[in-house]
Amino acid sequence: MDLENVKAQMRKGVLEFTILAVLSKGDAYATDLLNKLKESELIVVEGTLYPLLTRQKNAGLLSYRWEESTQGPPRKYYALTEKGREVLKELQASWKGLIDSVNSLVNQ
């Protein structure tokens, strides 16, 4: 068993949820999202993040706006839509249930 691969797959499985959770705190630039995820040890690369953001935007969970930057080209800031907030609430409930289920098995 490739333990590192298993751990990476576990992290990938929660990325869409965690992106919504981070954006629930306020709008963010992709680099800000990457940094937040890395701070939480959910190590992500741009090649993983951007397709997720695009998928969430296409699903109506996120919107974005362009803002001028003093340090280069304009930046794309992402924000949760109302649908994104609803989906986040559902995912939070599912996450709690999953944690409870896993803990009940692990702690038997």
PDB file of N, CA and C in Angstrom:
ATOM      1  N   MET A   1       0.850  -1.179   0.000  1.00  0.00           N
ATOM      2  CA  MET A   1       0.000   0.000   0.000  1.00  0.00           C
ATOM      3  C   MET A   1       0.893   1.239   0.000  1.00  0.00           C
ATOM      4  N   ASP A   2       0.553   2.172  -0.860  1.00  0.00           N
ATOM      5  CA  ASP A   2       1.276   3.435  -0.931  1.00  0.00           C
ATOM      6  C   ASP A   2       0.599   4.419   0.016  1.00  0.00           C
ATOM      7  N   LEU A   3       1.114   4.504   1.227  1.00  0.00           N
ATOM      8  CA  LEU A   3       0.497   5.331   2.272  1.00  0.00           C
ATOM      9  C   LEU A   3       0.407   6.793   1.874  1.00  0.00           C
ATOM     10  N   GLU A   4       1.440   7.319   1.228  1.00  0.00           N
ATOM     11  CA  GLU A   4       1.409   8.725   0.806  1.00  0.00           C
ATOM     12  C   GLU A   4       0.291   8.977  -0.204  1.00  0.00           C
ATOM     13  N   ASN A   5       0.069   8.030  -1.093  1.00  0.00           N
ATOM     14  CA  ASN A   5      -1.010   8.161  -2.070  1.00  0.00           C
ATOM     15  C   ASN A   5      -2.374   8.144  -1.380  1.00  0.00           C
ATOM     16  N   VAL A   6      -2.540   7.281  -0.406  1.00  0.00           N
ATOM     17  CA  VAL A   6      -3.800   7.216   0.338  1.00  0.00           C
ATOM     18  C   VAL A   6      -4.059   8.543   1.040  1.00  0.00           C
ATOM     19  N   LYS A   7      -3.028   9.094   1.686  1.00  0.00           N
ATOM     20  CA  LYS A   7      -3.196  10.379   2.377  1.00  0.00           C
ATOM     21  C   LYS A   7      -3.514  11.488   1.383  1.00  0.00           C
ATOM     22  N   ALA A   8      -2.870  11.481   0.223  1.00  0.00           N
ATOM     23  CA  ALA A   8      -3.138  12.496  -0.797  1.00  0.00           C
ATOM     24  C   ALA A   8      -4.579  12.396  -1.292  1.00  0.00           C
ATOM     25  N   GLN A   9      -5.071  11.184  -1.476  1.00  0.00           N
ATOM     26  CA  GLN A   9      -6.448  10.992  -1.922  1.00  0.00           C
ATOM     27  C   GLN A   9      -7.448  11.466  -0.872  1.00  0.00           C
ATOM     28  N   MET A  10      -7.128  11.271   0.395  1.00  0.00           N
ATOM     29  CA  MET A  10      -7.999  11.761   1.463  1.00  0.00           C
ATOM     30  C   MET A  10      -8.076  13.285   1.423  1.00  0.00           C
ATOM     31  N   ARG A  11      -6.938  13.940   1.229  1.00  0.00           N
ATOM     32  CA  ARG A  11      -6.927  15.406   1.154  1.00  0.00           C
ATOM     33  C   ARG A  11      -7.715  15.893  -0.063  1.00  0.00           C
ATOM     34  N   LYS A  12      -7.491  15.255  -1.201  1.00  0.00           N
ATOM     35  CA  LYS A  12      -8.201  15.658  -2.421  1.00  0.00           C
ATOM     36  C   LYS A  12      -9.707  15.538  -2.245  1.00  0.00           C
ATOM     37  N   GLY A  13     -10.130  14.536  -1.486  1.00  0.00           N
ATOM     38  CA  GLY A  13     -11.552  14.303  -1.288  1.00  0.00           C
ATOM     39  C   GLY A  13     -12.263  15.422  -0.554  1.00  0.00           C
ATOM     40  N   VAL A  14     -11.535  16.214   0.182  1.00  0.00           N
ATOM     41  CA  VAL A  14     -12.177  17.288   0.946  1.00  0.00           C
ATOM     42  C   VAL A  14     -11.869  18.679   0.390  1.00  0.00           C
ATOM     43  N   LEU A  15     -11.142  18.768  -0.697  1.00  0.00           N
ATOM     44  CA  LEU A  15     -10.748  20.077  -1.222  1.00  0.00           C
ATOM     45  C   LEU A  15     -11.927  20.950  -1.642  1.00  0.00           C
ATOM     46  N   GLU A  16     -12.897  20.375  -2.339  1.00  0.00           N
ATOM     47  CA  GLU A  16     -14.027  21.192  -2.775  1.00  0.00           C
ATOM     48  C   GLU A  16     -14.765  21.768  -1.570  1.00  0.00           C
ATOM     49  N   PHE A  17     -14.935  20.968  -0.546  1.00  0.00           N
ATOM     50  CA  PHE A  17     -15.574  21.405   0.695  1.00  0.00           C
ATOM     51  C   PHE A  17     -14.748  22.503   1.363  1.00  0.00           C
ATOM     52  N   THR A  18     -13.446  22.298   1.465  1.00  0.00           N
ATOM     53  CA  THR A  18     -12.612  23.279   2.167  1.00  0.00           C
ATOM     54  C   THR A  18     -12.517  24.600   1.405  1.00  0.00           C
ATOM     55  N   ILE A  19     -12.546  24.552   0.079  1.00  0.00           N
ATOM     56  CA  ILE A  19     -12.539  25.798  -0.708  1.00  0.00           C
ATOM     57  C   ILE A  19     -13.786  26.614  -0.388  1.00  0.00           C
ATOM     58  N   LEU A  20     -14.934  25.948  -0.366  1.00  0.00           N
ATOM     59  CA  LEU A  20     -16.170  26.652  -0.018  1.00  0.00           C
ATOM     60  C   LEU A  20     -16.096  27.203   1.399  1.00  0.00           C
ATOM     61  N   ALA A  21     -15.531  26.427   2.313  1.00  0.00           N
ATOM     62  CA  ALA A  21     -15.418  26.873   3.711  1.00  0.00           C
ATOM     63  C   ALA A  21     -14.532  28.110   3.827  1.00  0.00           C
ATOM     64  N   VAL A  22     -13.411  28.117   3.130  1.00  0.00           N
ATOM     65  CA  VAL A  22     -12.515  29.279   3.168  1.00  0.00           C
ATOM     66  C   VAL A  22     -13.220  30.500   2.589  1.00  0.00           C
ATOM     67  N   LEU A  23     -13.908  30.320   1.473  1.00  0.00           N
ATOM     68  CA  LEU A  23     -14.581  31.450   0.831  1.00  0.00           C
ATOM     69  C   LEU A  23     -15.795  31.939   1.625  1.00  0.00           C
ATOM     70  N   SER A  24     -16.299  31.118   2.537  1.00  0.00           N
ATOM     71  CA  SER A  24     -17.410  31.569   3.383  1.00  0.00           C
ATOM     72  C   SER A  24     -16.961  32.662   4.350  1.00  0.00           C
ATOM     73  N   LYS A  25     -15.653  32.754   4.557  1.00  0.00           N
ATOM     74  CA  LYS A  25     -15.091  33.781   5.446  1.00  0.00           C
ATOM     75  C   LYS A  25     -14.862  35.102   4.721  1.00  0.00           C
ATOM     76  N   GLY A  26     -14.904  35.064   3.382  1.00  0.00           N
ATOM     77  CA  GLY A  26     -14.704  36.273   2.591  1.00  0.00           C
ATOM     78  C   GLY A  26     -14.105  35.952   1.238  1.00  0.00           C
ATOM     79  N   ASP A  27     -14.232  36.887   0.321  1.00  0.00           N
ATOM     80  CA  ASP A  27     -13.702  36.717  -1.030  1.00  0.00           C
ATOM     81  C   ASP A  27     -12.193  36.513  -0.978  1.00  0.00           C
ATOM     82  N   ALA A  28     -11.674  35.765  -1.948  1.00  0.00           N
ATOM     83  CA  ALA A  28     -10.239  35.478  -1.940  1.00  0.00           C
ATOM     84  C   ALA A  28      -9.701  35.329  -3.361  1.00  0.00           C
ATOM     85  N   TYR A  29      -8.461  35.716  -3.497  1.00  0.00           N
ATOM     86  CA  TYR A  29      -7.659  35.548  -4.705  1.00  0.00           C
ATOM     87  C   TYR A  29      -7.113  34.116  -4.670  1.00  0.00           C
ATOM     88  N   ALA A  30      -6.888  33.501  -5.814  1.00  0.00           N
ATOM     89  CA  ALA A  30      -6.440  32.101  -5.859  1.00  0.00           C
ATOM     90  C   ALA A  30      -5.190  31.867  -5.020  1.00  0.00           C
ATOM     91  N   THR A  31      -4.249  32.803  -5.054  1.00  0.00           N
ATOM     92  CA  THR A  31      -3.028  32.637  -4.252  1.00  0.00           C
ATOM     93  C   THR A  31      -3.346  32.641  -2.761  1.00  0.00           C
ATOM     94  N   ASP A  32      -4.329  33.458  -2.361  1.00  0.00           N
ATOM     95  CA  ASP A  32      -4.758  33.456  -0.957  1.00  0.00           C
ATOM     96  C   ASP A  32      -5.330  32.094  -0.579  1.00  0.00           C
ATOM     97  N   LEU A  33      -6.127  31.526  -1.474  1.00  0.00           N
ATOM     98  CA  LEU A  33      -6.689  30.200  -1.221  1.00  0.00           C
ATOM     99  C   LEU A  33      -5.589  29.155  -1.079  1.00  0.00           C
ATOM    100  N   LEU A  34      -4.628  29.190  -2.004  1.00  0.00           N
ATOM    101  CA  LEU A  34      -3.503  28.248  -1.929  1.00  0.00           C
ATOM    102  C   LEU A  34      -2.779  28.362  -0.600  1.00  0.00           C
ATOM    103  N   ASN A  35      -2.513  29.594  -0.176  1.00  0.00           N
ATOM    104  CA  ASN A  35      -1.798  29.808   1.090  1.00  0.00           C
ATOM    105  C   ASN A  35      -2.595  29.297   2.279  1.00  0.00           C
ATOM    106  N   LYS A  36      -3.902  29.552   2.302  1.00  0.00           N
ATOM    107  CA  LYS A  36      -4.747  29.071   3.405  1.00  0.00           C
ATOM    108  C   LYS A  36      -4.736  27.548   3.456  1.00  0.00           C
ATOM    109  N   LEU A  37      -4.866  26.927   2.303  1.00  0.00           N
ATOM    110  CA  LEU A  37      -4.869  25.470   2.264  1.00  0.00           C
ATOM    111  C   LEU A  37      -3.522  24.904   2.709  1.00  0.00           C
ATOM    112  N   LYS A  38      -2.442  25.536   2.288  1.00  0.00           N
ATOM    113  CA  LYS A  38      -1.111  25.078   2.698  1.00  0.00           C
ATOM    114  C   LYS A  38      -0.889  25.267   4.198  1.00  0.00           C
ATOM    115  N   GLU A  39      -1.389  26.384   4.746  1.00  0.00           N
ATOM    116  CA  GLU A  39      -1.275  26.621   6.196  1.00  0.00           C
ATOM    117  C   GLU A  39      -1.957  25.508   6.978  1.00  0.00           C
ATOM    118  N   SER A  40      -3.030  24.975   6.423  1.00  0.00           N
ATOM    119  CA  SER A  40      -3.775  23.901   7.081  1.00  0.00           C
ATOM    120  C   SER A  40      -3.249  22.523   6.707  1.00  0.00           C
ATOM    121  N   GLU A  41      -2.125  22.496   6.028  1.00  0.00           N
ATOM    122  CA  GLU A  41      -1.461  21.267   5.607  1.00  0.00           C
ATOM    123  C   GLU A  41      -2.270  20.472   4.588  1.00  0.00           C
ATOM    124  N   LEU A  42      -3.152  21.165   3.859  1.00  0.00           N
ATOM    125  CA  LEU A  42      -3.831  20.572   2.712  1.00  0.00           C
ATOM    126  C   LEU A  42      -3.071  21.057   1.489  1.00  0.00           C
ATOM    127  N   ILE A  43      -1.894  20.523   1.313  1.00  0.00           N
ATOM    128  CA  ILE A  43      -0.977  21.010   0.290  1.00  0.00           C
ATOM    129  C   ILE A  43      -1.609  20.828  -1.087  1.00  0.00           C
ATOM    130  N   VAL A  44      -1.710  21.939  -1.794  1.00  0.00           N
ATOM    131  CA  VAL A  44      -2.356  21.967  -3.100  1.00  0.00           C
ATOM    132  C   VAL A  44      -1.461  22.749  -4.049  1.00  0.00           C
ATOM    133  N   VAL A  45      -1.452  22.352  -5.300  1.00  0.00           N
ATOM    134  CA  VAL A  45      -0.727  23.093  -6.322  1.00  0.00           C
ATOM    135  C   VAL A  45      -1.742  23.783  -7.224  1.00  0.00           C
ATOM    136  N   GLU A  46      -1.279  24.795  -7.948  1.00  0.00           N
ATOM    137  CA  GLU A  46      -2.173  25.551  -8.828  1.00  0.00           C
ATOM    138  C   GLU A  46      -2.896  24.641  -9.812  1.00  0.00           C
ATOM    139  N   GLY A  47      -2.200  23.629 -10.308  1.00  0.00           N
ATOM    140  CA  GLY A  47      -2.793  22.718 -11.276  1.00  0.00           C
ATOM    141  C   GLY A  47      -3.957  21.913 -10.720  1.00  0.00           C
ATOM    142  N   THR A  48      -4.063  21.834  -9.408  1.00  0.00           N
ATOM    143  CA  THR A  48      -5.199  21.178  -8.757  1.00  0.00           C
ATOM    144  C   THR A  48      -6.283  22.197  -8.435  1.00  0.00           C
ATOM    145  N   LEU A  49      -5.879  23.370  -7.980  1.00  0.00           N
ATOM    146  CA  LEU A  49      -6.834  24.374  -7.516  1.00  0.00           C
ATOM    147  C   LEU A  49      -7.670  24.967  -8.649  1.00  0.00           C
ATOM    148  N   TYR A  50      -7.036  25.388  -9.722  1.00  0.00           N
ATOM    149  CA  TYR A  50      -7.770  26.087 -10.777  1.00  0.00           C
ATOM    150  C   TYR A  50      -8.880  25.254 -11.413  1.00  0.00           C
ATOM    151  N   PRO A  51      -8.658  23.973 -11.714  1.00  0.00           N
ATOM    152  CA  PRO A  51      -9.782  23.181 -12.237  1.00  0.00           C
ATOM    153  C   PRO A  51     -10.944  23.063 -11.241  1.00  0.00           C
ATOM    154  N   LEU A  52     -10.621  22.967  -9.942  1.00  0.00           N
ATOM    155  CA  LEU A  52     -11.676  22.914  -8.923  1.00  0.00           C
ATOM    156  C   LEU A  52     -12.470  24.216  -8.894  1.00  0.00           C
ATOM    157  N   LEU A  53     -11.770  25.335  -8.946  1.00  0.00           N
ATOM    158  CA  LEU A  53     -12.457  26.631  -8.943  1.00  0.00           C
ATOM    159  C   LEU A  53     -13.346  26.778 -10.175  1.00  0.00           C
ATOM    160  N   THR A  54     -12.842  26.353 -11.323  1.00  0.00           N
ATOM    161  CA  THR A  54     -13.630  26.426 -12.554  1.00  0.00           C
ATOM    162  C   THR A  54     -14.866  25.539 -12.454  1.00  0.00           C
ATOM    163  N   ARG A  55     -14.691  24.332 -11.938  1.00  0.00           N
ATOM    164  CA  ARG A  55     -15.823  23.418 -11.786  1.00  0.00           C
ATOM    165  C   ARG A  55     -16.870  23.996 -10.833  1.00  0.00           C
ATOM    166  N   GLN A  56     -16.415  24.584  -9.724  1.00  0.00           N
ATOM    167  CA  GLN A  56     -17.354  25.173  -8.767  1.00  0.00           C
ATOM    168  C   GLN A  56     -18.054  26.402  -9.354  1.00  0.00           C
ATOM    169  N   LYS A  57     -17.331  27.185 -10.131  1.00  0.00           N
ATOM    170  CA  LYS A  57     -17.945  28.350 -10.788  1.00  0.00           C
ATOM    171  C   LYS A  57     -18.986  27.897 -11.791  1.00  0.00           C
ATOM    172  N   ASN A  58     -18.653  26.903 -12.603  1.00  0.00           N
ATOM    173  CA  ASN A  58     -19.589  26.387 -13.604  1.00  0.00           C
ATOM    174  C   ASN A  58     -20.823  25.762 -12.970  1.00  0.00           C
ATOM    175  N   ALA A  59     -20.683  25.268 -11.748  1.00  0.00           N
ATOM    176  CA  ALA A  59     -21.816  24.676 -11.024  1.00  0.00           C
ATOM    177  C   ALA A  59     -22.658  25.744 -10.323  1.00  0.00           C
ATOM    178  N   GLY A  60     -22.228  26.998 -10.414  1.00  0.00           N
ATOM    179  CA  GLY A  60     -22.977  28.080  -9.795  1.00  0.00           C
ATOM    180  C   GLY A  60     -22.688  28.287  -8.320  1.00  0.00           C
ATOM    181  N   LEU A  61     -21.627  27.649  -7.818  1.00  0.00           N
ATOM    182  CA  LEU A  61     -21.280  27.761  -6.396  1.00  0.00           C
ATOM    183  C   LEU A  61     -20.425  28.993  -6.113  1.00  0.00           C
ATOM    184  N   LEU A  62     -19.686  29.447  -7.126  1.00  0.00           N
ATOM    185  CA  LEU A  62     -18.785  30.581  -6.985  1.00  0.00           C
ATOM    186  C   LEU A  62     -19.050  31.606  -8.080  1.00  0.00           C
ATOM    187  N   SER A  63     -18.703  32.830  -7.769  1.00  0.00           N
ATOM    188  CA  SER A  63     -18.643  33.883  -8.775  1.00  0.00           C
ATOM    189  C   SER A  63     -17.249  34.487  -8.648  1.00  0.00           C
ATOM    190  N   TYR A  64     -16.895  35.339  -9.578  1.00  0.00           N
ATOM    191  CA  TYR A  64     -15.610  36.016  -9.460  1.00  0.00           C
ATOM    192  C   TYR A  64     -15.714  37.421 -10.022  1.00  0.00           C
ATOM    193  N   ARG A  65     -14.752  38.227  -9.624  1.00  0.00           N
ATOM    194  CA  ARG A  65     -14.634  39.582 -10.146  1.00  0.00           C
ATOM    195  C   ARG A  65     -13.158  39.884 -10.321  1.00  0.00           C
ATOM    196  N   TRP A  66     -12.864  40.784 -11.240  1.00  0.00           N
ATOM    197  CA  TRP A  66     -11.486  41.207 -11.476  1.00  0.00           C
ATOM    198  C   TRP A  66     -11.221  42.482 -10.686  1.00  0.00           C
ATOM    199  N   GLU A  67     -10.051  42.559 -10.048  1.00  0.00           N
ATOM    200  CA  GLU A  67      -9.636  43.774  -9.347  1.00  0.00           C
ATOM    201  C   GLU A  67      -8.233  44.138  -9.802  1.00  0.00           C
ATOM    202  N   GLU A  68      -8.039  45.419  -9.993  1.00  0.00           N
ATOM    203  CA  GLU A  68      -6.709  45.907 -10.346  1.00  0.00           C
ATOM    204  C   GLU A  68      -5.748  45.629  -9.193  1.00  0.00           C
ATOM    205  N   SER A  69      -4.500  45.378  -9.534  1.00  0.00           N
ATOM    206  CA  SER A  69      -3.468  45.111  -8.537  1.00  0.00           C
ATOM    207  C   SER A  69      -2.336  46.107  -8.704  1.00  0.00           C
ATOM    208  N   THR A  70      -1.784  46.539  -7.587  1.00  0.00           N
ATOM    209  CA  THR A  70      -0.625  47.435  -7.639  1.00  0.00           C
ATOM    210  C   THR A  70       0.653  46.646  -7.914  1.00  0.00           C
ATOM    211  N   GLN A  71       0.562  45.321  -7.846  1.00  0.00           N
ATOM    212  CA  GLN A  71       1.746  44.474  -8.004  1.00  0.00           C
ATOM    213  C   GLN A  71       1.661  43.585  -9.235  1.00  0.00           C
ATOM    214  N   GLY A  72       1.088  44.081 -10.312  1.00  0.00           N
ATOM    215  CA  GLY A  72       1.027  43.273 -11.522  1.00  0.00           C
ATOM    216  C   GLY A  72      -0.327  43.350 -12.181  1.00  0.00           C
ATOM    217  N   PRO A  73      -0.681  42.292 -12.906  1.00  0.00           N
ATOM    218  CA  PRO A  73      -1.944  42.292 -13.649  1.00  0.00           C
ATOM    219  C   PRO A  73      -3.153  42.225 -12.706  1.00  0.00           C
ATOM    220  N   PRO A  74      -4.338  42.488 -13.241  1.00  0.00           N
ATOM    221  CA  PRO A  74      -5.549  42.376 -12.408  1.00  0.00           C
ATOM    222  C   PRO A  74      -5.675  40.970 -11.822  1.00  0.00           C
ATOM    223  N   ARG A  75      -6.320  40.899 -10.666  1.00  0.00           N
ATOM    224  CA  ARG A  75      -6.491  39.622  -9.974  1.00  0.00           C
ATOM    225  C   ARG A  75      -7.952  39.206  -9.981  1.00  0.00           C
ATOM    226  N   LYS A  76      -8.167  37.905 -10.073  1.00  0.00           N
ATOM    227  CA  LYS A  76      -9.509  37.350 -10.046  1.00  0.00           C
ATOM    228  C   LYS A  76      -9.823  36.945  -8.596  1.00  0.00           C
ATOM    229  N   TYR A  77     -10.840  37.581  -8.028  1.00  0.00           N
ATOM    230  CA  TYR A  77     -11.275  37.260  -6.669  1.00  0.00           C
ATOM    231  C   TYR A  77     -12.541  36.416  -6.732  1.00  0.00           C
ATOM    232  N   TYR A  78     -12.533  35.317  -5.975  1.00  0.00           N
ATOM    233  CA  TYR A  78     -13.665  34.396  -5.946  1.00  0.00           C
ATOM    234  C   TYR A  78     -14.530  34.671  -4.726  1.00  0.00           C
ATOM    235  N   ALA A  79     -15.841  34.434  -4.899  1.00  0.00           N
ATOM    236  CA  ALA A  79     -16.803  34.617  -3.816  1.00  0.00           C
ATOM    237  C   ALA A  79     -17.852  33.515  -3.895  1.00  0.00           C
ATOM    238  N   LEU A  80     -18.428  33.168  -2.748  1.00  0.00           N
ATOM    239  CA  LEU A  80     -19.518  32.201  -2.724  1.00  0.00           C
ATOM    240  C   LEU A  80     -20.795  32.837  -3.248  1.00  0.00           C
ATOM    241  N   THR A  81     -21.552  32.082  -3.980  1.00  0.00           N
ATOM    242  CA  THR A  81     -22.886  32.512  -4.381  1.00  0.00           C
ATOM    243  C   THR A  81     -23.860  32.003  -3.313  1.00  0.00           C
ATOM    244  N   GLU A  82     -25.110  32.375  -3.439  1.00  0.00           N
ATOM    245  CA  GLU A  82     -26.117  31.863  -2.504  1.00  0.00           C
ATOM    246  C   GLU A  82     -26.200  30.344  -2.604  1.00  0.00           C
ATOM    247  N   LYS A  83     -26.150  29.833  -3.829  1.00  0.00           N
ATOM    248  CA  LYS A  83     -26.152  28.380  -4.018  1.00  0.00           C
ATOM    249  C   LYS A  83     -24.930  27.747  -3.344  1.00  0.00           C
ATOM    250  N   GLY A  84     -23.776  28.407  -3.451  1.00  0.00           N
ATOM    251  CA  GLY A  84     -22.567  27.913  -2.806  1.00  0.00           C
ATOM    252  C   GLY A  84     -22.717  27.837  -1.302  1.00  0.00           C
ATOM    253  N   ARG A  85     -23.385  28.832  -0.713  1.00  0.00           N
ATOM    254  CA  ARG A  85     -23.626  28.825   0.741  1.00  0.00           C
ATOM    255  C   ARG A  85     -24.549  27.669   1.139  1.00  0.00           C
ATOM    256  N   GLU A  86     -25.563  27.406   0.314  1.00  0.00           N
ATOM    257  CA  GLU A  86     -26.475  26.294   0.592  1.00  0.00           C
ATOM    258  C   GLU A  86     -25.745  24.961   0.511  1.00  0.00           C
ATOM    259  N   VAL A  87     -24.934  24.797  -0.531  1.00  0.00           N
ATOM    260  CA  VAL A  87     -24.174  23.556  -0.692  1.00  0.00           C
ATOM    261  C   VAL A  87     -23.190  23.393   0.473  1.00  0.00           C
ATOM    262  N   LEU A  88     -22.548  24.477   0.885  1.00  0.00           N
ATOM    263  CA  LEU A  88     -21.622  24.405   2.017  1.00  0.00           C
ATOM    264  C   LEU A  88     -22.337  23.911   3.269  1.00  0.00           C
ATOM    265  N   LYS A  89     -23.539  24.407   3.540  1.00  0.00           N
ATOM    266  CA  LYS A  89     -24.294  23.942   4.715  1.00  0.00           C
ATOM    267  C   LYS A  89     -24.554  22.440   4.645  1.00  0.00           C
ATOM    268  N   GLU A  90     -24.929  21.969   3.456  1.00  0.00           N
ATOM    269  CA  GLU A  90     -25.168  20.534   3.285  1.00  0.00           C
ATOM    270  C   GLU A  90     -23.887  19.729   3.485  1.00  0.00           C
ATOM    271  N   LEU A  91     -22.779  20.235   2.939  1.00  0.00           N
ATOM    272  CA  LEU A  91     -21.500  19.538   3.098  1.00  0.00           C
ATOM    273  C   LEU A  91     -21.042  19.534   4.551  1.00  0.00           C
ATOM    274  N   GLN A  92     -21.290  20.618   5.274  1.00  0.00           N
ATOM    275  CA  GLN A  92     -20.926  20.657   6.689  1.00  0.00           C
ATOM    276  C   GLN A  92     -21.675  19.591   7.476  1.00  0.00           C
ATOM    277  N   ALA A  93     -22.973  19.420   7.189  1.00  0.00           N
ATOM    278  CA  ALA A  93     -23.753  18.389   7.866  1.00  0.00           C
ATOM    279  C   ALA A  93     -23.231  17.001   7.498  1.00  0.00           C
ATOM    280  N   SER A  94     -22.933  16.786   6.216  1.00  0.00           N
ATOM    281  CA  SER A  94     -22.390  15.497   5.779  1.00  0.00           C
ATOM    282  C   SER A  94     -21.037  15.224   6.414  1.00  0.00           C
ATOM    283  N   TRP A  95     -20.213  16.267   6.497  1.00  0.00           N
ATOM    284  CA  TRP A  95     -18.883  16.127   7.090  1.00  0.00           C
ATOM    285  C   TRP A  95     -18.993  15.695   8.547  1.00  0.00           C
ATOM    286  N   LYS A  96     -19.899  16.327   9.293  1.00  0.00           N
ATOM    287  CA  LYS A  96     -20.081  15.959  10.703  1.00  0.00           C
ATOM    288  C   LYS A  96     -20.505  14.496  10.813  1.00  0.00           C
ATOM    289  N   GLY A  97     -21.446  14.078   9.960  1.00  0.00           N
ATOM    290  CA  GLY A  97     -21.882  12.687   9.983  1.00  0.00           C
ATOM    291  C   GLY A  97     -20.757  11.725   9.638  1.00  0.00           C
ATOM    292  N   LEU A  98     -19.934  12.099   8.667  1.00  0.00           N
ATOM    293  CA  LEU A  98     -18.799  11.264   8.274  1.00  0.00           C
ATOM    294  C   LEU A  98     -17.788  11.147   9.408  1.00  0.00           C
ATOM    295  N   ILE A  99     -17.484  12.259  10.041  1.00  0.00           N
ATOM    296  CA  ILE A  99     -16.538  12.243  11.166  1.00  0.00           C
ATOM    297  C   ILE A  99     -17.066  11.347  12.282  1.00  0.00           C
ATOM    298  N   ASP A 100     -18.344  11.499  12.604  1.00  0.00           N
ATOM    299  CA  ASP A 100     -18.935  10.676  13.662  1.00  0.00           C
ATOM    300  C   ASP A 100     -18.867   9.199  13.313  1.00  0.00           C
ATOM    301  N   SER A 101     -19.176   8.865  12.047  1.00  0.00           N
ATOM    302  CA  SER A 101     -19.142   7.460  11.618  1.00  0.00           C
ATOM    303  C   SER A 101     -17.738   6.885  11.687  1.00  0.00           C
ATOM    304  N   VAL A 102     -16.775   7.639  11.166  1.00  0.00           N
ATOM    305  CA  VAL A 102     -15.384   7.168  11.172  1.00  0.00           C
ATOM    306  C   VAL A 102     -14.886   7.026  12.606  1.00  0.00           C
ATOM    307  N   ASN A 103     -15.157   8.022  13.434  1.00  0.00           N
ATOM    308  CA  ASN A 103     -14.717   7.953  14.831  1.00  0.00           C
ATOM    309  C   ASN A 103     -15.330   6.765  15.566  1.00  0.00           C
ATOM    310  N   SER A 104     -16.585   6.458  15.274  1.00  0.00           N
ATOM    311  CA  SER A 104     -17.210   5.316  15.957  1.00  0.00           C
ATOM    312  C   SER A 104     -16.514   4.011  15.563  1.00  0.00           C
ATOM    313  N   LEU A 105     -16.059   3.911  14.315  1.00  0.00           N
ATOM    314  CA  LEU A 105     -15.349   2.710  13.882  1.00  0.00           C
ATOM    315  C   LEU A 105     -13.921   2.661  14.407  1.00  0.00           C
ATOM    316  N   VAL A 106     -13.250   3.794  14.377  1.00  0.00           N
ATOM    317  CA  VAL A 106     -11.848   3.853  14.799  1.00  0.00           C
ATOM    318  C   VAL A 106     -11.735   3.637  16.307  1.00  0.00           C
ATOM    319  N   ASN A 107     -12.703   4.137  17.058  1.00  0.00           N
ATOM    320  CA  ASN A 107     -12.614   4.101  18.514  1.00  0.00           C
ATOM    321  C   ASN A 107     -13.332   2.908  19.150  1.00  0.00           C
ATOM    322  N   GLN A 108     -13.643   1.882  18.372  1.00  0.00           N
ATOM    323  CA  GLN A 108     -14.325   0.706  18.933  1.00  0.00           C
ATOM    324  C   GLN A 108     -13.393  -0.115  19.766  1.00  0.00           C
TER     325      GLN A 108
END
